[in-house]
């Protein structure tokens, strides 16, 4: 792959990640945007796009962002995007 193609891929992945975060969680803190633009590992960017799509809260995403390239799995209830829909209710949606 040519250098300019690789750079374009990073730019597009960063923008995709920010778009998913904005769609899910609204306006972002400038520090979050800066942290995303500092990412230089394609595998980490791709993993964080999946995390952003599946994390039930921005807090969970930010914890994963801090992990950097050290984390590589996205498993468990921690990544259930509909988990927060049922907080405070039973499975039928009735208040507990």
PDB file of N, CA and C in Angstrom:
ATOM      1  N   UNK A   1       0.855  -1.180   0.000  1.00  0.00           N
ATOM      2  CA  UNK A   1       0.000   0.000   0.000  1.00  0.00           C
ATOM      3  C   UNK A   1       0.894   1.235   0.000  1.00  0.00           C
ATOM      4  N   UNK A   2       0.491   2.222  -0.774  1.00  0.00           N
ATOM      5  CA  UNK A   2       1.227   3.467  -0.822  1.00  0.00           C
ATOM      6  C   UNK A   2       0.990   4.272   0.441  1.00  0.00           C
ATOM      7  N   UNK A   3       1.959   5.102   0.803  1.00  0.00           N
ATOM      8  CA  UNK A   3       1.879   5.906   2.023  1.00  0.00           C
ATOM      9  C   UNK A   3       0.619   6.783   2.055  1.00  0.00           C
ATOM     10  N   UNK A   4       0.297   7.438   0.921  1.00  0.00           N
ATOM     11  CA  UNK A   4      -0.873   8.322   0.914  1.00  0.00           C
ATOM     12  C   UNK A   4      -2.168   7.538   1.090  1.00  0.00           C
ATOM     13  N   UNK A   5      -2.230   6.290   0.599  1.00  0.00           N
ATOM     14  CA  UNK A   5      -3.415   5.460   0.789  1.00  0.00           C
ATOM     15  C   UNK A   5      -3.568   5.076   2.256  1.00  0.00           C
ATOM     16  N   UNK A   6      -2.440   4.769   2.890  1.00  0.00           N
ATOM     17  CA  UNK A   6      -2.471   4.419   4.308  1.00  0.00           C
ATOM     18  C   UNK A   6      -2.932   5.612   5.143  1.00  0.00           C
ATOM     19  N   UNK A   7      -2.396   6.799   4.850  1.00  0.00           N
ATOM     20  CA  UNK A   7      -2.803   8.009   5.577  1.00  0.00           C
ATOM     21  C   UNK A   7      -4.285   8.300   5.373  1.00  0.00           C
ATOM     22  N   UNK A   8      -4.774   8.117   4.162  1.00  0.00           N
ATOM     23  CA  UNK A   8      -6.193   8.344   3.872  1.00  0.00           C
ATOM     24  C   UNK A   8      -7.046   7.351   4.661  1.00  0.00           C
ATOM     25  N   UNK A   9      -6.571   6.125   4.811  1.00  0.00           N
ATOM     26  CA  UNK A   9      -7.285   5.125   5.599  1.00  0.00           C
ATOM     27  C   UNK A   9      -7.383   5.520   7.055  1.00  0.00           C
ATOM     28  N   UNK A  10      -6.298   6.046   7.602  1.00  0.00           N
ATOM     29  CA  UNK A  10      -6.314   6.515   8.996  1.00  0.00           C
ATOM     30  C   UNK A  10      -7.295   7.675   9.171  1.00  0.00           C
ATOM     31  N   UNK A  11      -7.266   8.620   8.267  1.00  0.00           N
ATOM     32  CA  UNK A  11      -8.165   9.767   8.348  1.00  0.00           C
ATOM     33  C   UNK A  11      -9.609   9.289   8.294  1.00  0.00           C
ATOM     34  N   UNK A  12      -9.918   8.396   7.362  1.00  0.00           N
ATOM     35  CA  UNK A  12     -11.290   7.901   7.227  1.00  0.00           C
ATOM     36  C   UNK A  12     -11.721   7.113   8.457  1.00  0.00           C
ATOM     37  N   UNK A  13     -10.848   6.264   9.001  1.00  0.00           N
ATOM     38  CA  UNK A  13     -11.193   5.496  10.198  1.00  0.00           C
ATOM     39  C   UNK A  13     -11.401   6.415  11.401  1.00  0.00           C
ATOM     40  N   UNK A  14     -10.576   7.422  11.542  1.00  0.00           N
ATOM     41  CA  UNK A  14     -10.758   8.379  12.647  1.00  0.00           C
ATOM     42  C   UNK A  14     -12.101   9.097  12.519  1.00  0.00           C
ATOM     43  N   UNK A  15     -12.424   9.544  11.308  1.00  0.00           N
ATOM     44  CA  UNK A  15     -13.698  10.227  11.080  1.00  0.00           C
ATOM     45  C   UNK A  15     -14.881   9.276  11.303  1.00  0.00           C
ATOM     46  N   UNK A  16     -14.750   8.020  10.889  1.00  0.00           N
ATOM     47  CA  UNK A  16     -15.802   7.034  11.131  1.00  0.00           C
ATOM     48  C   UNK A  16     -16.018   6.839  12.625  1.00  0.00           C
ATOM     49  N   UNK A  17     -14.935   6.717  13.364  1.00  0.00           N
ATOM     50  CA  UNK A  17     -15.027   6.536  14.807  1.00  0.00           C
ATOM     51  C   UNK A  17     -15.728   7.730  15.458  1.00  0.00           C
ATOM     52  N   UNK A  18     -15.335   8.929  15.097  1.00  0.00           N
ATOM     53  CA  UNK A  18     -15.957  10.129  15.660  1.00  0.00           C
ATOM     54  C   UNK A  18     -17.435  10.220  15.277  1.00  0.00           C
ATOM     55  N   UNK A  19     -17.769   9.816  14.068  1.00  0.00           N
ATOM     56  CA  UNK A  19     -19.169   9.835  13.633  1.00  0.00           C
ATOM     57  C   UNK A  19     -20.024   8.877  14.444  1.00  0.00           C
ATOM     58  N   UNK A  20     -19.515   7.674  14.673  1.00  0.00           N
ATOM     59  CA  UNK A  20     -20.251   6.705  15.477  1.00  0.00           C
ATOM     60  C   UNK A  20     -20.434   7.238  16.896  1.00  0.00           C
ATOM     61  N   UNK A  21     -19.380   7.799  17.457  1.00  0.00           N
ATOM     62  CA  UNK A  21     -19.473   8.347  18.814  1.00  0.00           C
ATOM     63  C   UNK A  21     -20.498   9.475  18.895  1.00  0.00           C
ATOM     64  N   UNK A  22     -20.512  10.345  17.910  1.00  0.00           N
ATOM     65  CA  UNK A  22     -21.474  11.456  17.915  1.00  0.00           C
ATOM     66  C   UNK A  22     -22.913  10.949  17.761  1.00  0.00           C
ATOM     67  N   UNK A  23     -23.095   9.956  16.899  1.00  0.00           N
ATOM     68  CA  UNK A  23     -24.436   9.391  16.725  1.00  0.00           C
ATOM     69  C   UNK A  23     -24.938   8.743  18.010  1.00  0.00           C
ATOM     70  N   UNK A  24     -24.057   8.057  18.706  1.00  0.00           N
ATOM     71  CA  UNK A  24     -24.457   7.325  19.909  1.00  0.00           C
ATOM     72  C   UNK A  24     -24.547   8.201  21.144  1.00  0.00           C
ATOM     73  N   UNK A  25     -23.595   9.141  21.297  1.00  0.00           N
ATOM     74  CA  UNK A  25     -23.460   9.848  22.571  1.00  0.00           C
ATOM     75  C   UNK A  25     -23.577  11.368  22.483  1.00  0.00           C
ATOM     76  N   UNK A  26     -23.801  11.913  21.294  1.00  0.00           N
ATOM     77  CA  UNK A  26     -23.951  13.359  21.143  1.00  0.00           C
ATOM     78  C   UNK A  26     -22.619  14.082  21.037  1.00  0.00           C
ATOM     79  N   UNK A  27     -22.613  15.342  21.442  1.00  0.00           N
ATOM     80  CA  UNK A  27     -21.400  16.165  21.355  1.00  0.00           C
ATOM     81  C   UNK A  27     -20.272  15.540  22.169  1.00  0.00           C
ATOM     82  N   UNK A  28     -19.072  15.678  21.635  1.00  0.00           N
ATOM     83  CA  UNK A  28     -17.893  15.103  22.271  1.00  0.00           C
ATOM     84  C   UNK A  28     -16.997  16.186  22.854  1.00  0.00           C
ATOM     85  N   UNK A  29     -16.377  15.846  23.934  1.00  0.00           N
ATOM     86  CA  UNK A  29     -15.378  16.702  24.561  1.00  0.00           C
ATOM     87  C   UNK A  29     -14.200  16.845  23.595  1.00  0.00           C
ATOM     88  N   UNK A  30     -13.640  18.046  23.440  1.00  0.00           N
ATOM     89  CA  UNK A  30     -12.485  18.217  22.549  1.00  0.00           C
ATOM     90  C   UNK A  30     -11.324  17.273  22.881  1.00  0.00           C
ATOM     91  N   UNK A  31     -11.179  16.902  24.157  1.00  0.00           N
ATOM     92  CA  UNK A  31     -10.115  15.975  24.537  1.00  0.00           C
ATOM     93  C   UNK A  31     -10.298  14.597  23.926  1.00  0.00           C
ATOM     94  N   UNK A  32     -11.553  14.163  23.784  1.00  0.00           N
ATOM     95  CA  UNK A  32     -11.842  12.871  23.160  1.00  0.00           C
ATOM     96  C   UNK A  32     -11.458  12.924  21.683  1.00  0.00           C
ATOM     97  N   UNK A  33     -11.834  13.993  21.022  1.00  0.00           N
ATOM     98  CA  UNK A  33     -11.510  14.152  19.600  1.00  0.00           C
ATOM     99  C   UNK A  33      -9.997  14.158  19.406  1.00  0.00           C
ATOM    100  N   UNK A  34      -9.304  14.877  20.261  1.00  0.00           N
ATOM    101  CA  UNK A  34      -7.835  14.937  20.181  1.00  0.00           C
ATOM    102  C   UNK A  34      -7.231  13.548  20.385  1.00  0.00           C
ATOM    103  N   UNK A  35      -7.744  12.804  21.347  1.00  0.00           N
ATOM    104  CA  UNK A  35      -7.233  11.451  21.612  1.00  0.00           C
ATOM    105  C   UNK A  35      -7.436  10.541  20.407  1.00  0.00           C
ATOM    106  N   UNK A  36      -8.589  10.671  19.753  1.00  0.00           N
ATOM    107  CA  UNK A  36      -8.856   9.859  18.559  1.00  0.00           C
ATOM    108  C   UNK A  36      -7.863  10.210  17.460  1.00  0.00           C
ATOM    109  N   UNK A  37      -7.574  11.483  17.280  1.00  0.00           N
ATOM    110  CA  UNK A  37      -6.645  11.888  16.226  1.00  0.00           C
ATOM    111  C   UNK A  37      -5.194  11.541  16.546  1.00  0.00           C
ATOM    112  N   UNK A  38      -4.905  11.209  17.774  1.00  0.00           N
ATOM    113  CA  UNK A  38      -3.550  10.782  18.138  1.00  0.00           C
ATOM    114  C   UNK A  38      -3.326   9.285  17.889  1.00  0.00           C
ATOM    115  N   UNK A  39      -4.397   8.549  17.623  1.00  0.00           N
ATOM    116  CA  UNK A  39      -4.275   7.109  17.382  1.00  0.00           C
ATOM    117  C   UNK A  39      -3.564   6.860  16.052  1.00  0.00           C
ATOM    118  N   UNK A  40      -2.552   6.003  16.091  1.00  0.00           N
ATOM    119  CA  UNK A  40      -1.775   5.720  14.884  1.00  0.00           C
ATOM    120  C   UNK A  40      -1.668   4.237  14.579  1.00  0.00           C
ATOM    121  N   UNK A  41      -2.534   3.441  15.194  1.00  0.00           N
ATOM    122  CA  UNK A  41      -2.527   2.005  14.952  1.00  0.00           C
ATOM    123  C   UNK A  41      -3.867   1.624  14.336  1.00  0.00           C
ATOM    124  N   UNK A  42      -3.844   1.108  13.114  1.00  0.00           N
ATOM    125  CA  UNK A  42      -5.062   0.794  12.384  1.00  0.00           C
ATOM    126  C   UNK A  42      -5.909  -0.252  13.104  1.00  0.00           C
ATOM    127  N   UNK A  43      -5.281  -1.266  13.685  1.00  0.00           N
ATOM    128  CA  UNK A  43      -6.031  -2.290  14.414  1.00  0.00           C
ATOM    129  C   UNK A  43      -6.767  -1.689  15.613  1.00  0.00           C
ATOM    130  N   UNK A  44      -6.124  -0.781  16.317  1.00  0.00           N
ATOM    131  CA  UNK A  44      -6.745  -0.124  17.465  1.00  0.00           C
ATOM    132  C   UNK A  44      -7.926   0.725  17.012  1.00  0.00           C
ATOM    133  N   UNK A  45      -7.769   1.468  15.929  1.00  0.00           N
ATOM    134  CA  UNK A  45      -8.863   2.281  15.407  1.00  0.00           C
ATOM    135  C   UNK A  45     -10.062   1.413  15.031  1.00  0.00           C
ATOM    136  N   UNK A  46      -9.807   0.313  14.354  1.00  0.00           N
ATOM    137  CA  UNK A  46     -10.896  -0.570  13.941  1.00  0.00           C
ATOM    138  C   UNK A  46     -11.585  -1.198  15.158  1.00  0.00           C
ATOM    139  N   UNK A  47     -10.813  -1.573  16.170  1.00  0.00           N
ATOM    140  CA  UNK A  47     -11.398  -2.128  17.388  1.00  0.00           C
ATOM    141  C   UNK A  47     -12.254  -1.083  18.086  1.00  0.00           C
ATOM    142  N   UNK A  48     -11.782   0.161  18.144  1.00  0.00           N
ATOM    143  CA  UNK A  48     -12.523   1.217  18.817  1.00  0.00           C
ATOM    144  C   UNK A  48     -13.808   1.593  18.079  1.00  0.00           C
ATOM    145  N   UNK A  49     -13.844   1.415  16.769  1.00  0.00           N
ATOM    146  CA  UNK A  49     -15.089   1.627  16.026  1.00  0.00           C
ATOM    147  C   UNK A  49     -16.123   0.605  16.493  1.00  0.00           C
ATOM    148  N   UNK A  50     -15.710  -0.647  16.650  1.00  0.00           N
ATOM    149  CA  UNK A  50     -16.620  -1.674  17.163  1.00  0.00           C
ATOM    150  C   UNK A  50     -17.037  -1.387  18.603  1.00  0.00           C
ATOM    151  N   UNK A  51     -16.096  -0.934  19.408  1.00  0.00           N
ATOM    152  CA  UNK A  51     -16.404  -0.588  20.801  1.00  0.00           C
ATOM    153  C   UNK A  51     -17.422   0.549  20.821  1.00  0.00           C
ATOM    154  N   UNK A  52     -17.212   1.583  20.013  1.00  0.00           N
ATOM    155  CA  UNK A  52     -18.123   2.731  19.978  1.00  0.00           C
ATOM    156  C   UNK A  52     -19.536   2.305  19.578  1.00  0.00           C
ATOM    157  N   UNK A  53     -19.634   1.343  18.689  1.00  0.00           N
ATOM    158  CA  UNK A  53     -20.938   0.873  18.239  1.00  0.00           C
ATOM    159  C   UNK A  53     -21.631  -0.001  19.275  1.00  0.00           C
ATOM    160  N   UNK A  54     -20.887  -0.605  20.182  1.00  0.00           N
ATOM    161  CA  UNK A  54     -21.457  -1.576  21.104  1.00  0.00           C
ATOM    162  C   UNK A  54     -21.416  -1.200  22.573  1.00  0.00           C
ATOM    163  N   UNK A  55     -20.658  -0.194  22.925  1.00  0.00           N
ATOM    164  CA  UNK A  55     -20.568   0.202  24.338  1.00  0.00           C
ATOM    165  C   UNK A  55     -21.881   0.843  24.775  1.00  0.00           C
ATOM    166  N   UNK A  56     -22.380   0.476  25.942  1.00  0.00           N
ATOM    167  CA  UNK A  56     -23.649   1.044  26.402  1.00  0.00           C
ATOM    168  C   UNK A  56     -23.529   2.497  26.877  1.00  0.00           C
ATOM    169  N   UNK A  57     -22.311   2.975  27.093  1.00  0.00           N
ATOM    170  CA  UNK A  57     -22.129   4.353  27.562  1.00  0.00           C
ATOM    171  C   UNK A  57     -20.799   4.910  27.057  1.00  0.00           C
ATOM    172  N   UNK A  58     -20.721   6.219  27.046  1.00  0.00           N
ATOM    173  CA  UNK A  58     -19.462   6.877  26.656  1.00  0.00           C
ATOM    174  C   UNK A  58     -18.363   6.523  27.648  1.00  0.00           C
ATOM    175  N   UNK A  59     -18.725   6.351  28.906  1.00  0.00           N
ATOM    176  CA  UNK A  59     -17.739   5.993  29.941  1.00  0.00           C
ATOM    177  C   UNK A  59     -17.027   4.691  29.584  1.00  0.00           C
ATOM    178  N   UNK A  60     -17.783   3.690  29.145  1.00  0.00           N
ATOM    179  CA  UNK A  60     -17.186   2.405  28.764  1.00  0.00           C
ATOM    180  C   UNK A  60     -16.251   2.617  27.574  1.00  0.00           C
ATOM    181  N   UNK A  61     -16.689   3.412  26.591  1.00  0.00           N
ATOM    182  CA  UNK A  61     -15.820   3.684  25.448  1.00  0.00           C
ATOM    183  C   UNK A  61     -14.521   4.345  25.892  1.00  0.00           C
ATOM    184  N   UNK A  62     -14.616   5.352  26.763  1.00  0.00           N
ATOM    185  CA  UNK A  62     -13.424   6.078  27.208  1.00  0.00           C
ATOM    186  C   UNK A  62     -12.451   5.174  27.944  1.00  0.00           C
ATOM    187  N   UNK A  63     -12.966   4.217  28.704  1.00  0.00           N
ATOM    188  CA  UNK A  63     -12.091   3.253  29.376  1.00  0.00           C
ATOM    189  C   UNK A  63     -11.325   2.426  28.348  1.00  0.00           C
ATOM    190  N   UNK A  64     -12.007   2.035  27.287  1.00  0.00           N
ATOM    191  CA  UNK A  64     -11.345   1.269  26.225  1.00  0.00           C
ATOM    192  C   UNK A  64     -10.354   2.124  25.449  1.00  0.00           C
ATOM    193  N   UNK A  65     -10.676   3.382  25.251  1.00  0.00           N
ATOM    194  CA  UNK A  65      -9.771   4.299  24.563  1.00  0.00           C
ATOM    195  C   UNK A  65      -8.457   4.418  25.325  1.00  0.00           C
ATOM    196  N   UNK A  66      -8.544   4.446  26.655  1.00  0.00           N
ATOM    197  CA  UNK A  66      -7.341   4.537  27.487  1.00  0.00           C
ATOM    198  C   UNK A  66      -6.490   3.280  27.406  1.00  0.00           C
ATOM    199  N   UNK A  67      -7.106   2.150  27.093  1.00  0.00           N
ATOM    200  CA  UNK A  67      -6.363   0.891  26.980  1.00  0.00           C
ATOM    201  C   UNK A  67      -5.409   0.897  25.792  1.00  0.00           C
ATOM    202  N   UNK A  68      -5.708   1.687  24.781  1.00  0.00           N
ATOM    203  CA  UNK A  68      -4.846   1.747  23.602  1.00  0.00           C
ATOM    204  C   UNK A  68      -4.776   0.423  22.879  1.00  0.00           C
ATOM    205  N   UNK A  69      -3.604   0.036  22.465  1.00  0.00           N
ATOM    206  CA  UNK A  69      -3.446  -1.198  21.695  1.00  0.00           C
ATOM    207  C   UNK A  69      -3.297  -2.421  22.592  1.00  0.00           C
ATOM    208  N   UNK A  70      -3.346  -2.224  23.906  1.00  0.00           N
ATOM    209  CA  UNK A  70      -3.193  -3.347  24.836  1.00  0.00           C
ATOM    210  C   UNK A  70      -4.430  -4.235  24.878  1.00  0.00           C
ATOM    211  N   UNK A  71      -5.592  -3.685  24.611  1.00  0.00           N
ATOM    212  CA  UNK A  71      -6.832  -4.443  24.657  1.00  0.00           C
ATOM    213  C   UNK A  71      -7.132  -4.981  23.268  1.00  0.00           C
ATOM    214  N   UNK A  72      -7.689  -6.189  23.213  1.00  0.00           N
ATOM    215  CA  UNK A  72      -7.983  -6.739  21.897  1.00  0.00           C
ATOM    216  C   UNK A  72      -9.297  -7.502  21.846  1.00  0.00           C
ATOM    217  N   UNK A  73     -10.012  -7.621  22.953  1.00  0.00           N
ATOM    218  CA  UNK A  73     -11.282  -8.334  22.959  1.00  0.00           C
ATOM    219  C   UNK A  73     -12.436  -7.395  23.273  1.00  0.00           C
ATOM    220  N   UNK A  74     -13.563  -7.720  22.693  1.00  0.00           N
ATOM    221  CA  UNK A  74     -14.785  -6.986  22.964  1.00  0.00           C
ATOM    222  C   UNK A  74     -15.835  -8.038  23.313  1.00  0.00           C
ATOM    223  N   UNK A  75     -15.911  -8.389  24.615  1.00  0.00           N
ATOM    224  CA  UNK A  75     -16.822  -9.456  25.018  1.00  0.00           C
ATOM    225  C   UNK A  75     -17.587  -9.083  26.279  1.00  0.00           C
ATOM    226  N   UNK A  76     -18.681  -9.784  26.498  1.00  0.00           N
ATOM    227  CA  UNK A  76     -19.428  -9.673  27.745  1.00  0.00           C
ATOM    228  C   UNK A  76     -20.496  -8.605  27.734  1.00  0.00           C
ATOM    229  N   UNK A  77     -21.220  -8.531  28.848  1.00  0.00           N
ATOM    230  CA  UNK A  77     -22.303  -7.564  28.998  1.00  0.00           C
ATOM    231  C   UNK A  77     -21.812  -6.129  28.933  1.00  0.00           C
ATOM    232  N   UNK A  78     -20.549  -5.928  29.174  1.00  0.00           N
ATOM    233  CA  UNK A  78     -19.968  -4.586  29.113  1.00  0.00           C
ATOM    234  C   UNK A  78     -20.181  -3.955  27.737  1.00  0.00           C
ATOM    235  N   UNK A  79     -20.346  -4.775  26.711  1.00  0.00           N
ATOM    236  CA  UNK A  79     -20.501  -4.286  25.342  1.00  0.00           C
ATOM    237  C   UNK A  79     -21.873  -4.619  24.767  1.00  0.00           C
ATOM    238  N   UNK A  80     -22.882  -4.551  25.610  1.00  0.00           N
ATOM    239  CA  UNK A  80     -24.249  -4.772  25.169  1.00  0.00           C
ATOM    240  C   UNK A  80     -24.895  -3.402  24.975  1.00  0.00           C
ATOM    241  N   UNK A  81     -25.071  -2.948  23.721  1.00  0.00           N
ATOM    242  CA  UNK A  81     -25.565  -1.595  23.491  1.00  0.00           C
ATOM    243  C   UNK A  81     -27.001  -1.364  23.949  1.00  0.00           C
ATOM    244  N   UNK A  82     -27.781  -2.427  24.148  1.00  0.00           N
ATOM    245  CA  UNK A  82     -29.156  -2.232  24.603  1.00  0.00           C
ATOM    246  C   UNK A  82     -29.307  -2.432  26.101  1.00  0.00           C
ATOM    247  N   UNK A  83     -28.216  -2.703  26.778  1.00  0.00           N
ATOM    248  CA  UNK A  83     -28.246  -2.942  28.215  1.00  0.00           C
ATOM    249  C   UNK A  83     -28.866  -1.778  28.977  1.00  0.00           C
ATOM    250  N   UNK A  84     -28.524  -0.566  28.614  1.00  0.00           N
ATOM    251  CA  UNK A  84     -29.026   0.596  29.347  1.00  0.00           C
ATOM    252  C   UNK A  84     -30.499   0.863  29.064  1.00  0.00           C
ATOM    253  N   UNK A  85     -31.057   0.271  28.021  1.00  0.00           N
ATOM    254  CA  UNK A  85     -32.469   0.453  27.721  1.00  0.00           C
ATOM    255  C   UNK A  85     -33.346  -0.158  28.812  1.00  0.00           C
ATOM    256  N   UNK A  86     -32.841  -1.194  29.476  1.00  0.00           N
ATOM    257  CA  UNK A  86     -33.636  -1.923  30.449  1.00  0.00           C
ATOM    258  C   UNK A  86     -33.230  -1.648  31.890  1.00  0.00           C
ATOM    259  N   UNK A  87     -32.353  -0.658  32.113  1.00  0.00           N
ATOM    260  CA  UNK A  87     -31.946  -0.317  33.472  1.00  0.00           C
ATOM    261  C   UNK A  87     -33.161   0.092  34.287  1.00  0.00           C
ATOM    262  N   UNK A  88     -33.288  -0.472  35.466  1.00  0.00           N
ATOM    263  CA  UNK A  88     -34.386  -0.116  36.363  1.00  0.00           C
ATOM    264  C   UNK A  88     -35.696  -0.789  36.032  1.00  0.00           C
ATOM    265  N   UNK A  89     -35.698  -1.736  35.092  1.00  0.00           N
ATOM    266  CA  UNK A  89     -36.930  -2.450  34.776  1.00  0.00           C
ATOM    267  C   UNK A  89     -36.628  -3.922  34.592  1.00  0.00           C
ATOM    268  N   UNK A  90     -37.675  -4.718  34.651  1.00  0.00           N
ATOM    269  CA  UNK A  90     -37.460  -6.136  34.390  1.00  0.00           C
ATOM    270  C   UNK A  90     -37.440  -6.345  32.879  1.00  0.00           C
ATOM    271  N   UNK A  91     -37.311  -7.563  32.431  1.00  0.00           N
ATOM    272  CA  UNK A  91     -37.134  -7.873  31.004  1.00  0.00           C
ATOM    273  C   UNK A  91     -38.337  -7.429  30.166  1.00  0.00           C
ATOM    274  N   UNK A  92     -39.523  -7.330  30.766  1.00  0.00           N
ATOM    275  CA  UNK A  92     -40.722  -6.909  30.025  1.00  0.00           C
ATOM    276  C   UNK A  92     -40.835  -5.391  29.926  1.00  0.00           C
ATOM    277  N   UNK A  93     -39.912  -4.689  30.555  1.00  0.00           N
ATOM    278  CA  UNK A  93     -39.941  -3.237  30.511  1.00  0.00           C
ATOM    279  C   UNK A  93     -40.760  -2.628  31.630  1.00  0.00           C
ATOM    280  N   UNK A  94     -41.219  -3.465  32.571  1.00  0.00           N
ATOM    281  CA  UNK A  94     -41.991  -2.962  33.697  1.00  0.00           C
ATOM    282  C   UNK A  94     -41.045  -2.548  34.817  1.00  0.00           C
ATOM    283  N   UNK A  95     -41.421  -1.496  35.514  1.00  0.00           N
ATOM    284  CA  UNK A  95     -40.593  -1.012  36.614  1.00  0.00           C
ATOM    285  C   UNK A  95     -40.428  -2.091  37.680  1.00  0.00           C
ATOM    286  N   UNK A  96     -39.238  -2.178  38.225  1.00  0.00           N
ATOM    287  CA  UNK A  96     -38.974  -3.143  39.316  1.00  0.00           C
ATOM    288  C   UNK A  96     -39.434  -2.580  40.625  1.00  0.00           C
TER     289      UNK A  96
END
